Amino acid sequence: MKHSVREESGATIVALLGDVDLEHSPKARELLLATVGGARKVLVDLSGVSYIDSSGVASLVEAFQMARKNGVAFALVSVNASARRVLQLARLDKVFTIHETVADGL
């Protein structure tokens, strides 16, 4: 898994790329929690995620919960079809705010 982090219009955008699976989810978790700890608004761009499993989803949920606790806006953006199916199966598409594009999230 690769990632990039950038600031845009007052939001921190974290783009995850590749597989967010058992091997890579600890890195994703660490990155997301650190980002949520120092931002006012976090957008997680999932357009480049080729595969996400339950450990990757758990990392997203933990970051979402920390954001909510700390008053940080948190949303997913550009969720590709395979990641969206996983979120739908877990009914998390009803929990997360999901925007079609980064621009929509800003």
PDB file of N, CA and C in Angstrom:
ATOM      1  N   MET A   1       0.843  -1.178   0.000  1.00  0.00           N
ATOM      2  CA  MET A   1       0.000   0.000   0.000  1.00  0.00           C
ATOM      3  C   MET A   1       0.886   1.237   0.000  1.00  0.00           C
ATOM      4  N   LYS A   2       0.529   2.160  -0.844  1.00  0.00           N
ATOM      5  CA  LYS A   2       1.168   3.464  -0.859  1.00  0.00           C
ATOM      6  C   LYS A   2       0.135   4.487  -0.429  1.00  0.00           C
ATOM      7  N   HIS A   3       0.605   5.682  -0.124  1.00  0.00           N
ATOM      8  CA  HIS A   3      -0.326   6.729   0.266  1.00  0.00           C
ATOM      9  C   HIS A   3       0.267   8.097  -0.062  1.00  0.00           C
ATOM     10  N   SER A   4      -0.596   9.078  -0.086  1.00  0.00           N
ATOM     11  CA  SER A   4      -0.163  10.467  -0.181  1.00  0.00           C
ATOM     12  C   SER A   4      -1.063  11.294   0.717  1.00  0.00           C
ATOM     13  N   VAL A   5      -0.515  12.378   1.207  1.00  0.00           N
ATOM     14  CA  VAL A   5      -1.264  13.286   2.079  1.00  0.00           C
ATOM     15  C   VAL A   5      -1.041  14.695   1.545  1.00  0.00           C
ATOM     16  N   ARG A   6      -2.144  15.429   1.404  1.00  0.00           N
ATOM     17  CA  ARG A   6      -2.014  16.813   0.956  1.00  0.00           C
ATOM     18  C   ARG A   6      -3.074  17.679   1.628  1.00  0.00           C
ATOM     19  N   GLU A   7      -2.819  18.956   1.644  1.00  0.00           N
ATOM     20  CA  GLU A   7      -3.769  19.926   2.175  1.00  0.00           C
ATOM     21  C   GLU A   7      -4.445  20.626   1.009  1.00  0.00           C
ATOM     22  N   GLU A   8      -5.738  20.822   1.129  1.00  0.00           N
ATOM     23  CA  GLU A   8      -6.477  21.541   0.093  1.00  0.00           C
ATOM     24  C   GLU A   8      -7.722  22.170   0.706  1.00  0.00           C
ATOM     25  N   SER A   9      -7.850  23.449   0.561  1.00  0.00           N
ATOM     26  CA  SER A   9      -9.035  24.191   1.024  1.00  0.00           C
ATOM     27  C   SER A   9      -9.388  23.886   2.473  1.00  0.00           C
ATOM     28  N   GLY A  10      -8.387  23.821   3.329  1.00  0.00           N
ATOM     29  CA  GLY A  10      -8.623  23.590   4.749  1.00  0.00           C
ATOM     30  C   GLY A  10      -8.843  22.144   5.151  1.00  0.00           C
ATOM     31  N   ALA A  11      -8.724  21.237   4.205  1.00  0.00           N
ATOM     32  CA  ALA A  11      -8.914  19.810   4.502  1.00  0.00           C
ATOM     33  C   ALA A  11      -7.606  19.063   4.264  1.00  0.00           C
ATOM     34  N   THR A  12      -7.419  18.009   5.033  1.00  0.00           N
ATOM     35  CA  THR A  12      -6.304  17.095   4.799  1.00  0.00           C
ATOM     36  C   THR A  12      -6.853  15.917   4.016  1.00  0.00           C
ATOM     37  N   ILE A  13      -6.258  15.677   2.858  1.00  0.00           N
ATOM     38  CA  ILE A  13      -6.715  14.592   1.986  1.00  0.00           C
ATOM     39  C   ILE A  13      -5.688  13.471   2.034  1.00  0.00           C
ATOM     40  N   VAL A  14      -6.138  12.309   2.470  1.00  0.00           N
ATOM     41  CA  VAL A  14      -5.292  11.123   2.539  1.00  0.00           C
ATOM     42  C   VAL A  14      -5.734  10.194   1.418  1.00  0.00           C
ATOM     43  N   ALA A  15      -4.845   9.957   0.473  1.00  0.00           N
ATOM     44  CA  ALA A  15      -5.148   9.048  -0.628  1.00  0.00           C
ATOM     45  C   ALA A  15      -4.433   7.722  -0.373  1.00  0.00           C
ATOM     46  N   LEU A  16      -5.194   6.654  -0.296  1.00  0.00           N
ATOM     47  CA  LEU A  16      -4.629   5.321  -0.120  1.00  0.00           C
ATOM     48  C   LEU A  16      -4.589   4.637  -1.483  1.00  0.00           C
ATOM     49  N   LEU A  17      -3.497   3.934  -1.755  1.00  0.00           N
ATOM     50  CA  LEU A  17      -3.304   3.294  -3.054  1.00  0.00           C
ATOM     51  C   LEU A  17      -2.899   1.846  -2.872  1.00  0.00           C
ATOM     52  N   GLY A  18      -3.523   0.961  -3.623  1.00  0.00           N
ATOM     53  CA  GLY A  18      -3.174  -0.457  -3.556  1.00  0.00           C
ATOM     54  C   GLY A  18      -4.085  -1.221  -2.622  1.00  0.00           C
ATOM     55  N   ASP A  19      -3.537  -2.262  -2.002  1.00  0.00           N
ATOM     56  CA  ASP A  19      -4.307  -3.120  -1.108  1.00  0.00           C
ATOM     57  C   ASP A  19      -4.249  -2.603   0.325  1.00  0.00           C
ATOM     58  N   VAL A  20      -5.411  -2.512   0.946  1.00  0.00           N
ATOM     59  CA  VAL A  20      -5.497  -2.180   2.367  1.00  0.00           C
ATOM     60  C   VAL A  20      -5.996  -3.453   3.041  1.00  0.00           C
ATOM     61  N   ASP A  21      -5.047  -4.340   3.323  1.00  0.00           N
ATOM     62  CA  ASP A  21      -5.363  -5.665   3.840  1.00  0.00           C
ATOM     63  C   ASP A  21      -4.631  -5.892   5.159  1.00  0.00           C
ATOM     64  N   LEU A  22      -4.661  -7.111   5.631  1.00  0.00           N
ATOM     65  CA  LEU A  22      -4.059  -7.437   6.929  1.00  0.00           C
ATOM     66  C   LEU A  22      -2.594  -7.022   7.003  1.00  0.00           C
ATOM     67  N   GLU A  23      -1.888  -7.136   5.906  1.00  0.00           N
ATOM     68  CA  GLU A  23      -0.476  -6.760   5.883  1.00  0.00           C
ATOM     69  C   GLU A  23      -0.282  -5.249   5.964  1.00  0.00           C
ATOM     70  N   HIS A  24      -1.157  -4.490   5.319  1.00  0.00           N
ATOM     71  CA  HIS A  24      -0.963  -3.049   5.199  1.00  0.00           C
ATOM     72  C   HIS A  24      -1.868  -2.211   6.094  1.00  0.00           C
ATOM     73  N   SER A  25      -2.883  -2.793   6.679  1.00  0.00           N
ATOM     74  CA  SER A  25      -3.815  -1.998   7.480  1.00  0.00           C
ATOM     75  C   SER A  25      -3.175  -1.365   8.719  1.00  0.00           C
ATOM     76  N   PRO A  26      -2.160  -1.968   9.358  1.00  0.00           N
ATOM     77  CA  PRO A  26      -1.542  -1.257  10.486  1.00  0.00           C
ATOM     78  C   PRO A  26      -0.930   0.088  10.066  1.00  0.00           C
ATOM     79  N   LYS A  27      -0.335   0.123   8.882  1.00  0.00           N
ATOM     80  CA  LYS A  27       0.232   1.380   8.381  1.00  0.00           C
ATOM     81  C   LYS A  27      -0.895   2.374   8.075  1.00  0.00           C
ATOM     82  N   ALA A  28      -1.977   1.885   7.463  1.00  0.00           N
ATOM     83  CA  ALA A  28      -3.119   2.751   7.168  1.00  0.00           C
ATOM     84  C   ALA A  28      -3.712   3.296   8.459  1.00  0.00           C
ATOM     85  N   ARG A  29      -3.854   2.449   9.456  1.00  0.00           N
ATOM     86  CA  ARG A  29      -4.400   2.859  10.750  1.00  0.00           C
ATOM     87  C   ARG A  29      -3.546   3.954  11.368  1.00  0.00           C
ATOM     88  N   GLU A  30      -2.238   3.725  11.410  1.00  0.00           N
ATOM     89  CA  GLU A  30      -1.315   4.695  11.995  1.00  0.00           C
ATOM     90  C   GLU A  30      -1.408   6.040  11.259  1.00  0.00           C
ATOM     91  N   LEU A  31      -1.416   5.992   9.953  1.00  0.00           N
ATOM     92  CA  LEU A  31      -1.503   7.197   9.132  1.00  0.00           C
ATOM     93  C   LEU A  31      -2.815   7.940   9.380  1.00  0.00           C
ATOM     94  N   LEU A  32      -3.925   7.223   9.369  1.00  0.00           N
ATOM     95  CA  LEU A  32      -5.228   7.857   9.547  1.00  0.00           C
ATOM     96  C   LEU A  32      -5.378   8.457  10.942  1.00  0.00           C
ATOM     97  N   LEU A  33      -4.953   7.730  11.962  1.00  0.00           N
ATOM     98  CA  LEU A  33      -5.078   8.253  13.327  1.00  0.00           C
ATOM     99  C   LEU A  33      -4.198   9.483  13.530  1.00  0.00           C
ATOM    100  N   ALA A  34      -3.002   9.474  12.981  1.00  0.00           N
ATOM    101  CA  ALA A  34      -2.117  10.640  13.087  1.00  0.00           C
ATOM    102  C   ALA A  34      -2.726  11.835  12.359  1.00  0.00           C
ATOM    103  N   THR A  35      -3.320  11.589  11.224  1.00  0.00           N
ATOM    104  CA  THR A  35      -3.929  12.666  10.447  1.00  0.00           C
ATOM    105  C   THR A  35      -5.131  13.245  11.174  1.00  0.00           C
ATOM    106  N   VAL A  36      -5.974  12.385  11.693  1.00  0.00           N
ATOM    107  CA  VAL A  36      -7.165  12.836  12.422  1.00  0.00           C
ATOM    108  C   VAL A  36      -6.762  13.627  13.661  1.00  0.00           C
ATOM    109  N   GLY A  37      -5.642  13.260  14.265  1.00  0.00           N
ATOM    110  CA  GLY A  37      -5.188  13.945  15.468  1.00  0.00           C
ATOM    111  C   GLY A  37      -4.714  15.363  15.229  1.00  0.00           C
ATOM    112  N   GLY A  38      -4.429  15.709  13.982  1.00  0.00           N
ATOM    113  CA  GLY A  38      -3.894  17.036  13.724  1.00  0.00           C
ATOM    114  C   GLY A  38      -4.633  17.822  12.663  1.00  0.00           C
ATOM    115  N   ALA A  39      -5.882  17.506  12.408  1.00  0.00           N
ATOM    116  CA  ALA A  39      -6.621  18.180  11.342  1.00  0.00           C
ATOM    117  C   ALA A  39      -8.005  18.588  11.824  1.00  0.00           C
ATOM    118  N   ARG A  40      -8.634  19.460  11.053  1.00  0.00           N
ATOM    119  CA  ARG A  40     -10.020  19.839  11.337  1.00  0.00           C
ATOM    120  C   ARG A  40     -10.989  19.102  10.422  1.00  0.00           C
ATOM    121  N   LYS A  41     -10.491  18.736   9.244  1.00  0.00           N
ATOM    122  CA  LYS A  41     -11.322  18.011   8.284  1.00  0.00           C
ATOM    123  C   LYS A  41     -10.434  17.028   7.542  1.00  0.00           C
ATOM    124  N   VAL A  42     -10.863  15.765   7.487  1.00  0.00           N
ATOM    125  CA  VAL A  42     -10.086  14.717   6.824  1.00  0.00           C
ATOM    126  C   VAL A  42     -10.961  14.054   5.762  1.00  0.00           C
ATOM    127  N   LEU A  43     -10.408  13.981   4.554  1.00  0.00           N
ATOM    128  CA  LEU A  43     -11.049  13.255   3.465  1.00  0.00           C
ATOM    129  C   LEU A  43     -10.144  12.094   3.091  1.00  0.00           C
ATOM    130  N   VAL A  44     -10.692  10.891   3.065  1.00  0.00           N
ATOM    131  CA  VAL A  44      -9.918   9.705   2.712  1.00  0.00           C
ATOM    132  C   VAL A  44     -10.319   9.299   1.301  1.00  0.00           C
ATOM    133  N   ASP A  45      -9.369   9.453   0.390  1.00  0.00           N
ATOM    134  CA  ASP A  45      -9.587   9.152  -1.029  1.00  0.00           C
ATOM    135  C   ASP A  45      -9.298   7.666  -1.273  1.00  0.00           C
ATOM    136  N   LEU A  46     -10.332   6.926  -1.624  1.00  0.00           N
ATOM    137  CA  LEU A  46     -10.204   5.481  -1.844  1.00  0.00           C
ATOM    138  C   LEU A  46     -10.229   5.111  -3.325  1.00  0.00           C
ATOM    139  N   SER A  47     -10.053   6.082  -4.207  1.00  0.00           N
ATOM    140  CA  SER A  47     -10.125   5.784  -5.643  1.00  0.00           C
ATOM    141  C   SER A  47      -9.018   4.837  -6.096  1.00  0.00           C
ATOM    142  N   GLY A  48      -7.885   4.840  -5.410  1.00  0.00           N
ATOM    143  CA  GLY A  48      -6.763   3.996  -5.804  1.00  0.00           C
ATOM    144  C   GLY A  48      -6.657   2.692  -5.042  1.00  0.00           C
ATOM    145  N   VAL A  49      -7.658   2.388  -4.230  1.00  0.00           N
ATOM    146  CA  VAL A  49      -7.626   1.149  -3.444  1.00  0.00           C
ATOM    147  C   VAL A  49      -8.122   0.008  -4.317  1.00  0.00           C
ATOM    148  N   SER A  50      -7.249  -0.965  -4.547  1.00  0.00           N
ATOM    149  CA  SER A  50      -7.627  -2.098  -5.386  1.00  0.00           C
ATOM    150  C   SER A  50      -8.325  -3.196  -4.578  1.00  0.00           C
ATOM    151  N   TYR A  51      -8.057  -3.243  -3.262  1.00  0.00           N
ATOM    152  CA  TYR A  51      -8.646  -4.274  -2.410  1.00  0.00           C
ATOM    153  C   TYR A  51      -8.640  -3.761  -0.976  1.00  0.00           C
ATOM    154  N   ILE A  52      -9.732  -3.959  -0.265  1.00  0.00           N
ATOM    155  CA  ILE A  52      -9.789  -3.629   1.160  1.00  0.00           C
ATOM    156  C   ILE A  52     -10.492  -4.773   1.874  1.00  0.00           C
ATOM    157  N   ASP A  53      -9.909  -5.227   2.979  1.00  0.00           N
ATOM    158  CA  ASP A  53     -10.535  -6.309   3.747  1.00  0.00           C
ATOM    159  C   ASP A  53     -11.032  -5.752   5.073  1.00  0.00           C
ATOM    160  N   SER A  54     -11.469  -6.646   5.950  1.00  0.00           N
ATOM    161  CA  SER A  54     -12.058  -6.208   7.213  1.00  0.00           C
ATOM    162  C   SER A  54     -11.065  -5.445   8.094  1.00  0.00           C
ATOM    163  N   SER A  55      -9.788  -5.774   8.012  1.00  0.00           N
ATOM    164  CA  SER A  55      -8.812  -5.039   8.818  1.00  0.00           C
ATOM    165  C   SER A  55      -8.647  -3.614   8.293  1.00  0.00           C
ATOM    166  N   GLY A  56      -8.737  -3.436   6.987  1.00  0.00           N
ATOM    167  CA  GLY A  56      -8.692  -2.096   6.407  1.00  0.00           C
ATOM    168  C   GLY A  56      -9.923  -1.294   6.777  1.00  0.00           C
ATOM    169  N   VAL A  57     -11.072  -1.940   6.734  1.00  0.00           N
ATOM    170  CA  VAL A  57     -12.314  -1.285   7.132  1.00  0.00           C
ATOM    171  C   VAL A  57     -12.244  -0.905   8.612  1.00  0.00           C
ATOM    172  N   ALA A  58     -11.696  -1.777   9.445  1.00  0.00           N
ATOM    173  CA  ALA A  58     -11.559  -1.478  10.873  1.00  0.00           C
ATOM    174  C   ALA A  58     -10.691  -0.239  11.097  1.00  0.00           C
ATOM    175  N   SER A  59      -9.662  -0.071  10.278  1.00  0.00           N
ATOM    176  CA  SER A  59      -8.812   1.122  10.382  1.00  0.00           C
ATOM    177  C   SER A  59      -9.610   2.380  10.060  1.00  0.00           C
ATOM    178  N   LEU A  60     -10.458   2.308   9.036  1.00  0.00           N
ATOM    179  CA  LEU A  60     -11.313   3.442   8.693  1.00  0.00           C
ATOM    180  C   LEU A  60     -12.302   3.757   9.819  1.00  0.00           C
ATOM    181  N   VAL A  61     -12.890   2.715  10.384  1.00  0.00           N
ATOM    182  CA  VAL A  61     -13.865   2.896  11.460  1.00  0.00           C
ATOM    183  C   VAL A  61     -13.197   3.521  12.688  1.00  0.00           C
ATOM    184  N   GLU A  62     -12.020   3.041  13.038  1.00  0.00           N
ATOM    185  CA  GLU A  62     -11.322   3.590  14.201  1.00  0.00           C
ATOM    186  C   GLU A  62     -10.984   5.069  13.988  1.00  0.00           C
ATOM    187  N   ALA A  63     -10.522   5.420  12.799  1.00  0.00           N
ATOM    188  CA  ALA A  63     -10.217   6.824  12.498  1.00  0.00           C
ATOM    189  C   ALA A  63     -11.486   7.669  12.533  1.00  0.00           C
ATOM    190  N   PHE A  64     -12.579   7.130  12.002  1.00  0.00           N
ATOM    191  CA  PHE A  64     -13.865   7.831  12.027  1.00  0.00           C
ATOM    192  C   PHE A  64     -14.311   8.097  13.466  1.00  0.00           C
ATOM    193  N   GLN A  65     -14.189   7.086  14.319  1.00  0.00           N
ATOM    194  CA  GLN A  65     -14.600   7.244  15.714  1.00  0.00           C
ATOM    195  C   GLN A  65     -13.733   8.275  16.438  1.00  0.00           C
ATOM    196  N   MET A  66     -12.437   8.246  16.189  1.00  0.00           N
ATOM    197  CA  MET A  66     -11.547   9.224  16.806  1.00  0.00           C
ATOM    198  C   MET A  66     -11.871  10.631  16.312  1.00  0.00           C
ATOM    199  N   ALA A  67     -12.142  10.754  15.023  1.00  0.00           N
ATOM    200  CA  ALA A  67     -12.500  12.058  14.460  1.00  0.00           C
ATOM    201  C   ALA A  67     -13.767  12.589  15.118  1.00  0.00           C
ATOM    202  N   ARG A  68     -14.765  11.749  15.218  1.00  0.00           N
ATOM    203  CA  ARG A  68     -16.036  12.176  15.822  1.00  0.00           C
ATOM    204  C   ARG A  68     -15.835  12.602  17.267  1.00  0.00           C
ATOM    205  N   LYS A  69     -15.041  11.841  17.985  1.00  0.00           N
ATOM    206  CA  LYS A  69     -14.755  12.156  19.389  1.00  0.00           C
ATOM    207  C   LYS A  69     -14.051  13.505  19.531  1.00  0.00           C
ATOM    208  N   ASN A  70     -13.186  13.827  18.560  1.00  0.00           N
ATOM    209  CA  ASN A  70     -12.395  15.055  18.626  1.00  0.00           C
ATOM    210  C   ASN A  70     -13.000  16.215  17.833  1.00  0.00           C
ATOM    211  N   GLY A  71     -14.191  16.028  17.302  1.00  0.00           N
ATOM    212  CA  GLY A  71     -14.847  17.100  16.559  1.00  0.00           C
ATOM    213  C   GLY A  71     -14.234  17.380  15.198  1.00  0.00           C
ATOM    214  N   VAL A  72     -13.634  16.367  14.597  1.00  0.00           N
ATOM    215  CA  VAL A  72     -13.009  16.497  13.285  1.00  0.00           C
ATOM    216  C   VAL A  72     -13.965  15.937  12.234  1.00  0.00           C
ATOM    217  N   ALA A  73     -14.199  16.710  11.173  1.00  0.00           N
ATOM    218  CA  ALA A  73     -15.026  16.212  10.072  1.00  0.00           C
ATOM    219  C   ALA A  73     -14.248  15.109   9.356  1.00  0.00           C
ATOM    220  N   PHE A  74     -14.930  14.012   9.021  1.00  0.00           N
ATOM    221  CA  PHE A  74     -14.282  12.849   8.413  1.00  0.00           C
ATOM    222  C   PHE A  74     -15.200  12.289   7.349  1.00  0.00           C
ATOM    223  N   ALA A  75     -14.670  12.109   6.151  1.00  0.00           N
ATOM    224  CA  ALA A  75     -15.483  11.554   5.068  1.00  0.00           C
ATOM    225  C   ALA A  75     -14.611  10.736   4.130  1.00  0.00           C
ATOM    226  N   LEU A  76     -15.253   9.839   3.419  1.00  0.00           N
ATOM    227  CA  LEU A  76     -14.601   9.070   2.369  1.00  0.00           C
ATOM    228  C   LEU A  76     -14.959   9.713   1.034  1.00  0.00           C
ATOM    229  N   VAL A  77     -14.005   9.708   0.098  1.00  0.00           N
ATOM    230  CA  VAL A  77     -14.255  10.284  -1.213  1.00  0.00           C
ATOM    231  C   VAL A  77     -13.770   9.345  -2.303  1.00  0.00           C
ATOM    232  N   SER A  78     -14.402   9.464  -3.446  1.00  0.00           N
ATOM    233  CA  SER A  78     -13.998   8.701  -4.634  1.00  0.00           C
ATOM    234  C   SER A  78     -13.844   7.206  -4.340  1.00  0.00           C
ATOM    235  N   VAL A  79     -14.820   6.653  -3.641  1.00  0.00           N
ATOM    236  CA  VAL A  79     -14.771   5.241  -3.265  1.00  0.00           C
ATOM    237  C   VAL A  79     -15.048   4.407  -4.519  1.00  0.00           C
ATOM    238  N   ASN A  80     -14.078   3.587  -4.900  1.00  0.00           N
ATOM    239  CA  ASN A  80     -14.267   2.779  -6.106  1.00  0.00           C
ATOM    240  C   ASN A  80     -15.265   1.643  -5.843  1.00  0.00           C
ATOM    241  N   ALA A  81     -15.666   0.976  -6.906  1.00  0.00           N
ATOM    242  CA  ALA A  81     -16.738  -0.028  -6.824  1.00  0.00           C
ATOM    243  C   ALA A  81     -16.418  -1.175  -5.870  1.00  0.00           C
ATOM    244  N   SER A  82     -15.191  -1.694  -5.891  1.00  0.00           N
ATOM    245  CA  SER A  82     -14.880  -2.836  -5.023  1.00  0.00           C
ATOM    246  C   SER A  82     -14.888  -2.434  -3.553  1.00  0.00           C
ATOM    247  N   ALA A  83     -14.344  -1.284  -3.230  1.00  0.00           N
ATOM    248  CA  ALA A  83     -14.359  -0.821  -1.836  1.00  0.00           C
ATOM    249  C   ALA A  83     -15.784  -0.488  -1.404  1.00  0.00           C
ATOM    250  N   ARG A  84     -16.562   0.086  -2.300  1.00  0.00           N
ATOM    251  CA  ARG A  84     -17.953   0.424  -1.973  1.00  0.00           C
ATOM    252  C   ARG A  84     -18.757  -0.835  -1.645  1.00  0.00           C
ATOM    253  N   ARG A  85     -18.520  -1.925  -2.390  1.00  0.00           N
ATOM    254  CA  ARG A  85     -19.225  -3.187  -2.110  1.00  0.00           C
ATOM    255  C   ARG A  85     -18.918  -3.693  -0.706  1.00  0.00           C
ATOM    256  N   VAL A  86     -17.647  -3.609  -0.298  1.00  0.00           N
ATOM    257  CA  VAL A  86     -17.263  -4.049   1.046  1.00  0.00           C
ATOM    258  C   VAL A  86     -17.966  -3.188   2.092  1.00  0.00           C
ATOM    259  N   LEU A  87     -17.983  -1.883   1.889  1.00  0.00           N
ATOM    260  CA  LEU A  87     -18.664  -0.988   2.835  1.00  0.00           C
ATOM    261  C   LEU A  87     -20.161  -1.263   2.874  1.00  0.00           C
ATOM    262  N   GLN A  88     -20.753  -1.552   1.721  1.00  0.00           N
ATOM    263  CA  GLN A  88     -22.184  -1.850   1.675  1.00  0.00           C
ATOM    264  C   GLN A  88     -22.506  -3.153   2.396  1.00  0.00           C
ATOM    265  N   LEU A  89     -21.668  -4.167   2.217  1.00  0.00           N
ATOM    266  CA  LEU A  89     -21.898  -5.449   2.895  1.00  0.00           C
ATOM    267  C   LEU A  89     -21.879  -5.289   4.412  1.00  0.00           C
ATOM    268  N   ALA A  90     -21.014  -4.405   4.893  1.00  0.00           N
ATOM    269  CA  ALA A  90     -20.919  -4.154   6.333  1.00  0.00           C
ATOM    270  C   ALA A  90     -21.902  -3.068   6.780  1.00  0.00           C
ATOM    271  N   ARG A  91     -22.686  -2.554   5.831  1.00  0.00           N
ATOM    272  CA  ARG A  91     -23.644  -1.474   6.070  1.00  0.00           C
ATOM    273  C   ARG A  91     -22.972  -0.186   6.552  1.00  0.00           C
ATOM    274  N   LEU A  92     -21.697  -0.063   6.271  1.00  0.00           N
ATOM    275  CA  LEU A  92     -20.961   1.132   6.678  1.00  0.00           C
ATOM    276  C   LEU A  92     -21.150   2.281   5.697  1.00  0.00           C
ATOM    277  N   ASP A  93     -21.732   2.005   4.545  1.00  0.00           N
ATOM    278  CA  ASP A  93     -22.060   3.085   3.622  1.00  0.00           C
ATOM    279  C   ASP A  93     -23.128   3.995   4.226  1.00  0.00           C
ATOM    280  N   LYS A  94     -23.817   3.512   5.265  1.00  0.00           N
ATOM    281  CA  LYS A  94     -24.816   4.315   5.980  1.00  0.00           C
ATOM    282  C   LYS A  94     -24.186   5.058   7.164  1.00  0.00           C
ATOM    283  N   VAL A  95     -22.989   4.672   7.559  1.00  0.00           N
ATOM    284  CA  VAL A  95     -22.301   5.289   8.700  1.00  0.00           C
ATOM    285  C   VAL A  95     -21.376   6.405   8.237  1.00  0.00           C
ATOM    286  N   PHE A  96     -20.552   6.102   7.250  1.00  0.00           N
ATOM    287  CA  PHE A  96     -19.607   7.078   6.726  1.00  0.00           C
ATOM    288  C   PHE A  96     -20.310   8.090   5.827  1.00  0.00           C
ATOM    289  N   THR A  97     -19.832   9.315   5.865  1.00  0.00           N
ATOM    290  CA  THR A  97     -20.192  10.282   4.841  1.00  0.00           C
ATOM    291  C   THR A  97     -19.328   9.947   3.632  1.00  0.00           C
ATOM    292  N   ILE A  98     -19.960   9.759   2.477  1.00  0.00           N
ATOM    293  CA  ILE A  98     -19.236   9.382   1.264  1.00  0.00           C
ATOM    294  C   ILE A  98     -19.563  10.389   0.172  1.00  0.00           C
ATOM    295  N   HIS A  99     -18.514  10.998  -0.383  1.00  0.00           N
ATOM    296  CA  HIS A  99     -18.657  11.940  -1.489  1.00  0.00           C
ATOM    297  C   HIS A  99     -18.122  11.302  -2.758  1.00  0.00           C
ATOM    298  N   GLU A 100     -18.724  11.641  -3.874  1.00  0.00           N
ATOM    299  CA  GLU A 100     -18.298  11.071  -5.154  1.00  0.00           C
ATOM    300  C   GLU A 100     -16.910  11.526  -5.561  1.00  0.00           C
ATOM    301  N   THR A 101     -16.556  12.774  -5.263  1.00  0.00           N
ATOM    302  CA  THR A 101     -15.259  13.327  -5.646  1.00  0.00           C
ATOM    303  C   THR A 101     -14.655  14.111  -4.503  1.00  0.00           C
ATOM    304  N   VAL A 102     -13.354  14.378  -4.603  1.00  0.00           N
ATOM    305  CA  VAL A 102     -12.692  15.227  -3.607  1.00  0.00           C
ATOM    306  C   VAL A 102     -13.342  16.600  -3.603  1.00  0.00           C
ATOM    307  N   ALA A 103     -13.607  17.133  -4.779  1.00  0.00           N
ATOM    308  CA  ALA A 103     -14.238  18.459  -4.877  1.00  0.00           C
ATOM    309  C   ALA A 103     -15.569  18.506  -4.123  1.00  0.00           C
ATOM    310  N   ASP A 104     -16.350  17.442  -4.229  1.00  0.00           N
ATOM    311  CA  ASP A 104     -17.615  17.365  -3.494  1.00  0.00           C
ATOM    312  C   ASP A 104     -17.381  17.378  -1.987  1.00  0.00           C
ATOM    313  N   GLY A 105     -16.324  16.728  -1.543  1.00  0.00           N
ATOM    314  CA  GLY A 105     -16.012  16.654  -0.127  1.00  0.00           C
ATOM    315  C   GLY A 105     -15.511  17.957   0.453  1.00  0.00           C
ATOM    316  N   LEU A 106     -14.909  18.764  -0.397  1.00  0.00           N
ATOM    317  CA  LEU A 106     -14.371  20.050   0.069  1.00  0.00           C
ATOM    318  C   LEU A 106     -15.504  21.029   0.290  1.00  0.00           C
TER     319      LEU A 106
END
